[in-house]
N, C-alpha and C. Protein backbone atom coordinates (compact mmCIF):
# COMPACT_ATOMS: atom_id res chain seq x y z
N MET A 1 -22.55 -22.95 -20.54
CA MET A 1 -21.28 -23.59 -20.23
C MET A 1 -21.27 -23.93 -18.75
N ARG A 2 -20.71 -25.08 -18.46
CA ARG A 2 -20.49 -25.49 -17.07
C ARG A 2 -18.99 -25.59 -16.86
N LEU A 3 -18.52 -24.94 -15.82
CA LEU A 3 -17.09 -24.91 -15.52
C LEU A 3 -16.88 -25.41 -14.10
N THR A 4 -16.06 -26.45 -13.96
CA THR A 4 -15.72 -26.99 -12.65
C THR A 4 -14.29 -26.63 -12.35
N LEU A 5 -14.07 -25.94 -11.25
CA LEU A 5 -12.73 -25.57 -10.80
C LEU A 5 -12.34 -26.52 -9.69
N LEU A 6 -11.22 -27.18 -9.86
CA LEU A 6 -10.72 -28.15 -8.88
C LEU A 6 -9.32 -27.73 -8.46
N ARG A 7 -9.18 -27.41 -7.19
CA ARG A 7 -7.84 -27.08 -6.68
C ARG A 7 -7.07 -28.38 -6.46
N HIS A 8 -5.77 -28.31 -6.69
CA HIS A 8 -4.94 -29.51 -6.50
C HIS A 8 -5.08 -30.03 -5.07
N GLY A 9 -4.77 -31.31 -4.90
CA GLY A 9 -4.85 -31.95 -3.60
C GLY A 9 -3.70 -31.55 -2.68
N LEU A 10 -3.69 -32.16 -1.50
CA LEU A 10 -2.65 -31.89 -0.50
C LEU A 10 -1.28 -32.23 -1.07
N ALA A 11 -0.38 -31.25 -1.03
CA ALA A 11 0.97 -31.42 -1.55
C ALA A 11 1.98 -31.41 -0.40
N VAL A 12 3.19 -31.82 -0.72
CA VAL A 12 4.28 -31.77 0.25
C VAL A 12 4.41 -30.32 0.74
N ASP A 13 4.59 -30.12 2.05
CA ASP A 13 4.73 -28.77 2.60
C ASP A 13 5.91 -28.05 1.98
N ARG A 14 5.74 -26.77 1.73
CA ARG A 14 6.82 -25.96 1.15
C ARG A 14 8.08 -26.02 2.01
N GLU A 15 7.89 -26.02 3.33
CA GLU A 15 9.04 -26.04 4.24
C GLU A 15 9.84 -27.33 4.14
N ASP A 16 9.19 -28.40 3.74
CA ASP A 16 9.83 -29.72 3.64
C ASP A 16 10.36 -30.01 2.24
N TRP A 17 10.09 -29.13 1.30
CA TRP A 17 10.45 -29.35 -0.10
C TRP A 17 11.68 -28.53 -0.46
N THR A 18 12.68 -29.19 -1.05
CA THR A 18 13.92 -28.48 -1.40
C THR A 18 14.02 -28.15 -2.89
N GLY A 19 13.13 -28.70 -3.69
CA GLY A 19 13.18 -28.46 -5.13
C GLY A 19 12.37 -27.24 -5.53
N PRO A 20 12.30 -26.99 -6.83
CA PRO A 20 11.48 -25.88 -7.32
C PRO A 20 10.00 -26.12 -7.03
N ASP A 21 9.27 -25.06 -6.69
CA ASP A 21 7.87 -25.19 -6.32
C ASP A 21 7.02 -25.86 -7.41
N PRO A 22 7.24 -25.59 -8.70
CA PRO A 22 6.42 -26.27 -9.71
C PRO A 22 6.57 -27.80 -9.70
N LEU A 23 7.61 -28.32 -9.07
CA LEU A 23 7.83 -29.77 -9.03
C LEU A 23 7.37 -30.40 -7.71
N ARG A 24 6.75 -29.61 -6.83
CA ARG A 24 6.29 -30.12 -5.54
C ARG A 24 5.09 -31.03 -5.77
N PRO A 25 5.18 -32.31 -5.34
CA PRO A 25 4.14 -33.30 -5.64
C PRO A 25 3.05 -33.38 -4.57
N LEU A 26 2.01 -34.12 -4.91
CA LEU A 26 0.99 -34.47 -3.93
C LEU A 26 1.60 -35.44 -2.92
N THR A 27 1.11 -35.40 -1.71
CA THR A 27 1.48 -36.42 -0.72
C THR A 27 0.64 -37.68 -1.01
N SER A 28 1.00 -38.78 -0.37
CA SER A 28 0.19 -39.99 -0.50
C SER A 28 -1.22 -39.74 0.01
N ALA A 29 -1.33 -39.05 1.14
CA ALA A 29 -2.65 -38.72 1.69
C ALA A 29 -3.41 -37.79 0.74
N GLY A 30 -2.70 -36.89 0.10
CA GLY A 30 -3.32 -35.99 -0.87
C GLY A 30 -3.87 -36.73 -2.07
N GLN A 31 -3.14 -37.75 -2.51
CA GLN A 31 -3.61 -38.56 -3.64
C GLN A 31 -4.89 -39.32 -3.26
N VAL A 32 -4.88 -39.90 -2.07
CA VAL A 32 -6.05 -40.68 -1.62
C VAL A 32 -7.26 -39.77 -1.45
N ARG A 33 -7.07 -38.63 -0.80
CA ARG A 33 -8.19 -37.71 -0.57
C ARG A 33 -8.74 -37.18 -1.89
N THR A 34 -7.85 -36.84 -2.81
CA THR A 34 -8.29 -36.35 -4.11
C THR A 34 -9.11 -37.42 -4.84
N ARG A 35 -8.64 -38.65 -4.81
CA ARG A 35 -9.38 -39.75 -5.44
C ARG A 35 -10.75 -39.92 -4.79
N ASP A 36 -10.79 -39.87 -3.46
CA ASP A 36 -12.06 -40.04 -2.75
C ASP A 36 -13.04 -38.91 -3.08
N VAL A 37 -12.53 -37.69 -3.14
CA VAL A 37 -13.38 -36.54 -3.49
C VAL A 37 -13.91 -36.72 -4.92
N CYS A 38 -13.04 -37.07 -5.84
CA CYS A 38 -13.46 -37.25 -7.24
C CYS A 38 -14.51 -38.35 -7.36
N ARG A 39 -14.32 -39.43 -6.64
CA ARG A 39 -15.32 -40.51 -6.67
C ARG A 39 -16.66 -40.04 -6.13
N ALA A 40 -16.62 -39.30 -5.04
CA ALA A 40 -17.86 -38.82 -4.43
C ALA A 40 -18.59 -37.83 -5.33
N LEU A 41 -17.86 -37.11 -6.15
CA LEU A 41 -18.46 -36.11 -7.04
C LEU A 41 -18.78 -36.63 -8.44
N ARG A 42 -18.52 -37.88 -8.67
CA ARG A 42 -18.66 -38.45 -10.03
C ARG A 42 -19.98 -38.06 -10.70
N ARG A 43 -21.09 -38.10 -10.00
CA ARG A 43 -22.38 -37.81 -10.63
C ARG A 43 -22.61 -36.32 -10.87
N LEU A 44 -21.88 -35.47 -10.16
CA LEU A 44 -22.03 -34.02 -10.34
C LEU A 44 -21.21 -33.46 -11.50
N ILE A 45 -20.18 -34.17 -11.89
CA ILE A 45 -19.24 -33.63 -12.88
C ILE A 45 -19.78 -33.86 -14.28
N ARG A 46 -19.92 -32.77 -14.99
CA ARG A 46 -20.33 -32.82 -16.39
C ARG A 46 -19.30 -32.00 -17.16
N ALA A 47 -18.45 -32.68 -17.91
CA ALA A 47 -17.39 -31.99 -18.64
C ALA A 47 -16.94 -32.83 -19.83
N GLU A 48 -16.30 -32.15 -20.76
CA GLU A 48 -15.76 -32.81 -21.94
C GLU A 48 -14.28 -33.13 -21.79
N ARG A 49 -13.60 -32.32 -20.96
CA ARG A 49 -12.17 -32.56 -20.75
C ARG A 49 -11.69 -31.77 -19.54
N ILE A 50 -10.48 -32.12 -19.13
CA ILE A 50 -9.83 -31.47 -17.99
C ILE A 50 -8.62 -30.70 -18.51
N LEU A 51 -8.57 -29.41 -18.18
CA LEU A 51 -7.39 -28.60 -18.46
C LEU A 51 -6.67 -28.40 -17.14
N HIS A 52 -5.34 -28.51 -17.16
CA HIS A 52 -4.61 -28.39 -15.89
C HIS A 52 -3.31 -27.62 -16.03
N SER A 53 -2.88 -27.08 -14.92
CA SER A 53 -1.59 -26.41 -14.80
C SER A 53 -0.48 -27.42 -15.05
N PRO A 54 0.65 -26.96 -15.59
CA PRO A 54 1.78 -27.88 -15.77
C PRO A 54 2.50 -28.21 -14.46
N TRP A 55 2.20 -27.51 -13.39
CA TRP A 55 2.86 -27.80 -12.12
C TRP A 55 2.47 -29.21 -11.67
N LEU A 56 3.42 -29.94 -11.12
CA LEU A 56 3.26 -31.37 -10.85
C LEU A 56 2.03 -31.69 -10.02
N ARG A 57 1.80 -30.97 -8.93
CA ARG A 57 0.68 -31.31 -8.06
C ARG A 57 -0.67 -31.14 -8.77
N ALA A 58 -0.77 -30.17 -9.66
CA ALA A 58 -2.00 -30.00 -10.44
C ALA A 58 -2.12 -31.10 -11.50
N ALA A 59 -1.01 -31.45 -12.13
CA ALA A 59 -1.04 -32.52 -13.13
C ALA A 59 -1.42 -33.84 -12.48
N GLN A 60 -0.90 -34.12 -11.28
CA GLN A 60 -1.25 -35.35 -10.58
C GLN A 60 -2.74 -35.36 -10.21
N THR A 61 -3.23 -34.22 -9.76
CA THR A 61 -4.65 -34.10 -9.42
C THR A 61 -5.51 -34.34 -10.66
N ALA A 62 -5.12 -33.75 -11.77
CA ALA A 62 -5.86 -33.92 -13.03
C ALA A 62 -5.85 -35.38 -13.48
N GLU A 63 -4.73 -36.06 -13.30
CA GLU A 63 -4.65 -37.48 -13.68
C GLU A 63 -5.61 -38.32 -12.85
N ILE A 64 -5.67 -38.04 -11.57
CA ILE A 64 -6.60 -38.77 -10.69
C ILE A 64 -8.03 -38.50 -11.13
N ALA A 65 -8.37 -37.24 -11.33
CA ALA A 65 -9.73 -36.89 -11.75
C ALA A 65 -10.06 -37.52 -13.10
N ALA A 66 -9.12 -37.52 -14.01
CA ALA A 66 -9.34 -38.08 -15.35
C ALA A 66 -9.67 -39.57 -15.28
N ARG A 67 -8.97 -40.29 -14.41
CA ARG A 67 -9.24 -41.72 -14.26
C ARG A 67 -10.65 -41.95 -13.69
N VAL A 68 -10.99 -41.19 -12.67
CA VAL A 68 -12.28 -41.38 -12.01
C VAL A 68 -13.43 -40.92 -12.91
N TRP A 69 -13.27 -39.79 -13.58
CA TRP A 69 -14.35 -39.21 -14.37
C TRP A 69 -14.28 -39.61 -15.84
N ASP A 70 -13.28 -40.40 -16.21
CA ASP A 70 -13.12 -40.87 -17.58
C ASP A 70 -13.11 -39.71 -18.58
N LEU A 71 -12.19 -38.77 -18.35
CA LEU A 71 -12.07 -37.59 -19.20
C LEU A 71 -10.63 -37.45 -19.70
N PRO A 72 -10.45 -36.90 -20.89
CA PRO A 72 -9.09 -36.60 -21.35
C PRO A 72 -8.55 -35.36 -20.64
N THR A 73 -7.23 -35.28 -20.58
CA THR A 73 -6.59 -34.12 -19.95
C THR A 73 -5.75 -33.36 -20.97
N GLU A 74 -5.54 -32.10 -20.65
CA GLU A 74 -4.67 -31.26 -21.48
C GLU A 74 -3.95 -30.27 -20.56
N GLU A 75 -2.65 -30.21 -20.70
CA GLU A 75 -1.86 -29.26 -19.93
C GLU A 75 -1.91 -27.90 -20.61
N VAL A 76 -2.19 -26.86 -19.83
CA VAL A 76 -2.21 -25.50 -20.37
C VAL A 76 -1.40 -24.59 -19.45
N PRO A 77 -0.40 -23.91 -19.99
CA PRO A 77 0.47 -23.09 -19.15
C PRO A 77 -0.23 -21.93 -18.47
N TRP A 78 -1.34 -21.46 -19.02
CA TRP A 78 -2.00 -20.31 -18.41
C TRP A 78 -2.69 -20.64 -17.09
N LEU A 79 -2.71 -21.90 -16.68
CA LEU A 79 -3.23 -22.24 -15.36
C LEU A 79 -2.13 -22.33 -14.30
N ALA A 80 -0.88 -22.11 -14.69
CA ALA A 80 0.22 -22.12 -13.72
C ALA A 80 0.14 -20.86 -12.88
N GLY A 81 0.35 -21.02 -11.60
CA GLY A 81 0.19 -19.94 -10.65
C GLY A 81 0.88 -18.64 -10.97
N GLU A 82 2.11 -18.67 -11.43
CA GLU A 82 2.86 -17.44 -11.57
C GLU A 82 2.46 -16.59 -12.78
N LEU A 83 1.68 -17.12 -13.70
CA LEU A 83 1.32 -16.40 -14.92
C LEU A 83 -0.14 -15.96 -14.93
N PHE A 84 -0.82 -16.07 -13.82
CA PHE A 84 -2.28 -15.96 -13.81
C PHE A 84 -2.80 -14.53 -13.81
N ALA A 85 -3.81 -14.29 -14.63
CA ALA A 85 -4.61 -13.06 -14.60
C ALA A 85 -6.04 -13.48 -14.95
N PRO A 86 -7.00 -13.29 -14.04
CA PRO A 86 -8.33 -13.86 -14.24
C PRO A 86 -9.01 -13.48 -15.56
N VAL A 87 -9.03 -12.21 -15.91
CA VAL A 87 -9.74 -11.80 -17.12
C VAL A 87 -9.05 -12.36 -18.37
N ALA A 88 -7.72 -12.38 -18.38
CA ALA A 88 -7.00 -12.96 -19.52
C ALA A 88 -7.28 -14.46 -19.61
N THR A 89 -7.41 -15.11 -18.47
CA THR A 89 -7.70 -16.55 -18.46
C THR A 89 -9.09 -16.82 -19.01
N ILE A 90 -10.05 -16.00 -18.65
CA ILE A 90 -11.41 -16.18 -19.16
C ILE A 90 -11.40 -16.14 -20.69
N ALA A 91 -10.63 -15.24 -21.24
CA ALA A 91 -10.57 -15.11 -22.71
C ALA A 91 -9.96 -16.35 -23.37
N LYS A 92 -9.18 -17.13 -22.63
CA LYS A 92 -8.53 -18.31 -23.19
C LYS A 92 -9.37 -19.59 -23.06
N LEU A 93 -10.50 -19.51 -22.39
CA LEU A 93 -11.31 -20.70 -22.19
C LEU A 93 -11.88 -21.19 -23.52
N PRO A 94 -11.62 -22.45 -23.86
CA PRO A 94 -12.23 -22.99 -25.07
C PRO A 94 -13.71 -23.27 -24.82
N PRO A 95 -14.50 -23.44 -25.88
CA PRO A 95 -15.92 -23.72 -25.68
C PRO A 95 -16.13 -25.11 -25.08
N GLY A 96 -17.28 -25.29 -24.48
CA GLY A 96 -17.63 -26.60 -23.93
C GLY A 96 -17.52 -26.63 -22.42
N ASP A 97 -18.06 -27.67 -21.84
CA ASP A 97 -18.01 -27.87 -20.40
C ASP A 97 -16.63 -28.39 -20.03
N LEU A 98 -16.00 -27.75 -19.04
CA LEU A 98 -14.60 -28.04 -18.70
C LEU A 98 -14.40 -28.20 -17.21
N VAL A 99 -13.33 -28.92 -16.87
CA VAL A 99 -12.77 -28.93 -15.52
C VAL A 99 -11.43 -28.23 -15.62
N LEU A 100 -11.18 -27.27 -14.74
CA LEU A 100 -9.88 -26.59 -14.66
C LEU A 100 -9.22 -26.98 -13.35
N VAL A 101 -8.00 -27.49 -13.43
CA VAL A 101 -7.26 -27.88 -12.23
C VAL A 101 -6.08 -26.95 -12.07
N GLY A 102 -6.02 -26.29 -10.93
CA GLY A 102 -4.95 -25.32 -10.72
C GLY A 102 -4.71 -25.05 -9.26
N HIS A 103 -4.39 -23.79 -8.97
CA HIS A 103 -3.83 -23.38 -7.68
C HIS A 103 -4.62 -22.20 -7.10
N GLU A 104 -4.43 -22.00 -5.82
CA GLU A 104 -4.93 -20.81 -5.14
C GLU A 104 -3.75 -19.83 -5.02
N PRO A 105 -3.98 -18.57 -5.08
CA PRO A 105 -5.28 -17.90 -5.10
C PRO A 105 -5.88 -17.75 -6.51
N ASP A 106 -5.23 -18.34 -7.49
CA ASP A 106 -5.63 -18.15 -8.88
C ASP A 106 -7.04 -18.62 -9.19
N LEU A 107 -7.37 -19.87 -8.82
CA LEU A 107 -8.70 -20.38 -9.13
C LEU A 107 -9.79 -19.59 -8.42
N GLY A 108 -9.51 -19.19 -7.20
CA GLY A 108 -10.48 -18.38 -6.46
C GLY A 108 -10.71 -17.03 -7.11
N ALA A 109 -9.64 -16.43 -7.62
CA ALA A 109 -9.76 -15.15 -8.32
C ALA A 109 -10.55 -15.33 -9.62
N LEU A 110 -10.28 -16.42 -10.33
CA LEU A 110 -11.01 -16.71 -11.56
C LEU A 110 -12.50 -16.92 -11.26
N CYS A 111 -12.79 -17.69 -10.24
CA CYS A 111 -14.17 -17.94 -9.84
C CYS A 111 -14.89 -16.62 -9.56
N GLY A 112 -14.26 -15.77 -8.78
CA GLY A 112 -14.85 -14.47 -8.46
C GLY A 112 -15.04 -13.61 -9.70
N ALA A 113 -14.06 -13.57 -10.58
CA ALA A 113 -14.17 -12.76 -11.80
C ALA A 113 -15.32 -13.25 -12.67
N LEU A 114 -15.47 -14.56 -12.78
CA LEU A 114 -16.56 -15.11 -13.59
C LEU A 114 -17.93 -14.76 -13.02
N MET A 115 -18.00 -14.56 -11.70
CA MET A 115 -19.26 -14.19 -11.06
C MET A 115 -19.44 -12.68 -10.95
N GLY A 116 -18.39 -11.91 -11.29
CA GLY A 116 -18.45 -10.47 -11.11
C GLY A 116 -18.33 -10.09 -9.65
N ALA A 117 -17.53 -10.86 -8.91
CA ALA A 117 -17.38 -10.67 -7.46
C ALA A 117 -15.92 -10.79 -7.07
N GLY A 118 -15.69 -10.74 -5.78
CA GLY A 118 -14.34 -10.93 -5.26
C GLY A 118 -13.95 -12.39 -5.28
N PRO A 119 -12.69 -12.68 -4.90
CA PRO A 119 -12.20 -14.06 -4.92
C PRO A 119 -12.99 -14.98 -3.99
N VAL A 120 -13.00 -16.25 -4.35
CA VAL A 120 -13.62 -17.31 -3.56
C VAL A 120 -12.50 -18.24 -3.12
N ALA A 121 -12.46 -18.61 -1.86
CA ALA A 121 -11.41 -19.50 -1.36
C ALA A 121 -11.76 -20.96 -1.63
N LEU A 122 -10.83 -21.66 -2.28
CA LEU A 122 -10.99 -23.10 -2.54
C LEU A 122 -9.99 -23.86 -1.67
N LYS A 123 -10.49 -24.83 -0.93
CA LYS A 123 -9.62 -25.70 -0.14
C LYS A 123 -8.89 -26.66 -1.08
N LYS A 124 -7.81 -27.27 -0.59
CA LYS A 124 -7.10 -28.27 -1.40
C LYS A 124 -8.04 -29.43 -1.68
N ALA A 125 -8.14 -29.81 -2.96
CA ALA A 125 -9.09 -30.81 -3.47
C ALA A 125 -10.53 -30.32 -3.36
N GLY A 126 -10.71 -29.01 -3.20
CA GLY A 126 -12.03 -28.42 -3.19
C GLY A 126 -12.51 -28.11 -4.60
N VAL A 127 -13.81 -27.95 -4.74
CA VAL A 127 -14.43 -27.78 -6.06
C VAL A 127 -15.41 -26.61 -6.04
N ALA A 128 -15.38 -25.84 -7.12
CA ALA A 128 -16.40 -24.83 -7.39
C ALA A 128 -17.00 -25.15 -8.75
N ILE A 129 -18.32 -25.11 -8.85
CA ILE A 129 -18.99 -25.36 -10.12
C ILE A 129 -19.76 -24.10 -10.50
N LEU A 130 -19.51 -23.63 -11.72
CA LEU A 130 -20.15 -22.42 -12.23
C LEU A 130 -20.90 -22.74 -13.51
N GLU A 131 -21.98 -22.01 -13.74
CA GLU A 131 -22.75 -22.17 -14.98
C GLU A 131 -23.08 -20.80 -15.54
N GLY A 132 -23.09 -20.73 -16.88
CA GLY A 132 -23.43 -19.48 -17.54
C GLY A 132 -22.53 -19.20 -18.71
N LYS A 133 -22.35 -17.92 -19.00
CA LYS A 133 -21.50 -17.49 -20.10
C LYS A 133 -20.13 -17.11 -19.55
N PRO A 134 -19.07 -17.61 -20.16
CA PRO A 134 -17.72 -17.39 -19.61
C PRO A 134 -17.14 -16.00 -19.92
N HIS A 135 -17.71 -15.02 -19.25
CA HIS A 135 -17.15 -13.67 -19.31
C HIS A 135 -17.31 -13.06 -17.92
N PRO A 136 -16.60 -11.99 -17.62
CA PRO A 136 -16.68 -11.40 -16.28
C PRO A 136 -18.12 -11.10 -15.88
N GLY A 137 -18.54 -11.70 -14.79
CA GLY A 137 -19.89 -11.53 -14.28
C GLY A 137 -20.94 -12.37 -14.99
N GLY A 138 -20.54 -13.25 -15.90
CA GLY A 138 -21.49 -14.01 -16.69
C GLY A 138 -21.85 -15.38 -16.15
N MET A 139 -21.25 -15.76 -15.04
CA MET A 139 -21.51 -17.10 -14.51
C MET A 139 -22.06 -17.03 -13.09
N VAL A 140 -22.78 -18.10 -12.73
CA VAL A 140 -23.36 -18.22 -11.39
C VAL A 140 -22.72 -19.42 -10.71
N LEU A 141 -22.34 -19.24 -9.46
CA LEU A 141 -21.78 -20.33 -8.66
C LEU A 141 -22.91 -21.24 -8.23
N THR A 142 -22.86 -22.51 -8.66
CA THR A 142 -23.91 -23.46 -8.29
C THR A 142 -23.48 -24.40 -7.17
N ALA A 143 -22.16 -24.50 -6.95
CA ALA A 143 -21.66 -25.34 -5.85
C ALA A 143 -20.27 -24.87 -5.45
N LEU A 144 -20.02 -24.84 -4.16
CA LEU A 144 -18.69 -24.60 -3.60
C LEU A 144 -18.51 -25.64 -2.51
N LEU A 145 -17.65 -26.62 -2.78
CA LEU A 145 -17.55 -27.79 -1.92
C LEU A 145 -16.12 -28.03 -1.43
N SER A 146 -15.97 -28.07 -0.12
CA SER A 146 -14.68 -28.45 0.45
C SER A 146 -14.60 -29.98 0.49
N PRO A 147 -13.40 -30.55 0.57
CA PRO A 147 -13.30 -32.00 0.69
C PRO A 147 -14.06 -32.56 1.90
N LYS A 148 -14.03 -31.85 3.02
CA LYS A 148 -14.74 -32.34 4.21
C LYS A 148 -16.24 -32.42 3.96
N VAL A 149 -16.78 -31.44 3.27
CA VAL A 149 -18.21 -31.45 2.96
C VAL A 149 -18.51 -32.59 1.98
N VAL A 150 -17.71 -32.70 0.93
CA VAL A 150 -17.93 -33.75 -0.08
C VAL A 150 -17.88 -35.12 0.57
N LEU A 151 -16.85 -35.36 1.36
CA LEU A 151 -16.67 -36.70 1.95
C LEU A 151 -17.66 -36.95 3.08
N GLY A 152 -18.16 -35.88 3.68
CA GLY A 152 -19.16 -36.02 4.74
C GLY A 152 -20.54 -36.35 4.20
N ILE A 153 -20.83 -35.92 2.97
CA ILE A 153 -22.14 -36.18 2.40
C ILE A 153 -22.16 -37.38 1.50
N HIS A 154 -21.00 -37.95 1.21
CA HIS A 154 -20.93 -39.09 0.31
C HIS A 154 -21.41 -40.35 1.00
């Protein structure tokens, strides 16, 4: 199995947002950067579909990735930040190569659990790619890419 973890792009600052956090959107710059990162990674992404958090910024990120990578999307509540538990999430992973779009520190904790290690920090619009069997300690990290690295090597 190949699992790509994609953290949502740059969102409106919490201090500037008056609505509920799950409705906080990507900024215009966040949308552009996310699109640019997805385009630069097009050849690296191997997946059957994108699963994403229902929170707006993750859904927007998933929509951008879906357009660029030509993949279907599916909203799954277990990727929402407030309900996250890494081992329980691993048990919910469907078979096949997937992209998961979500939040920190959740994705980093999931990445670490899959490797049998501590959390890994993902930057906004950053990507971690893992390969192996989807159980605690069953996967190997094959790439950890920040947007600056992706856009610098593209």
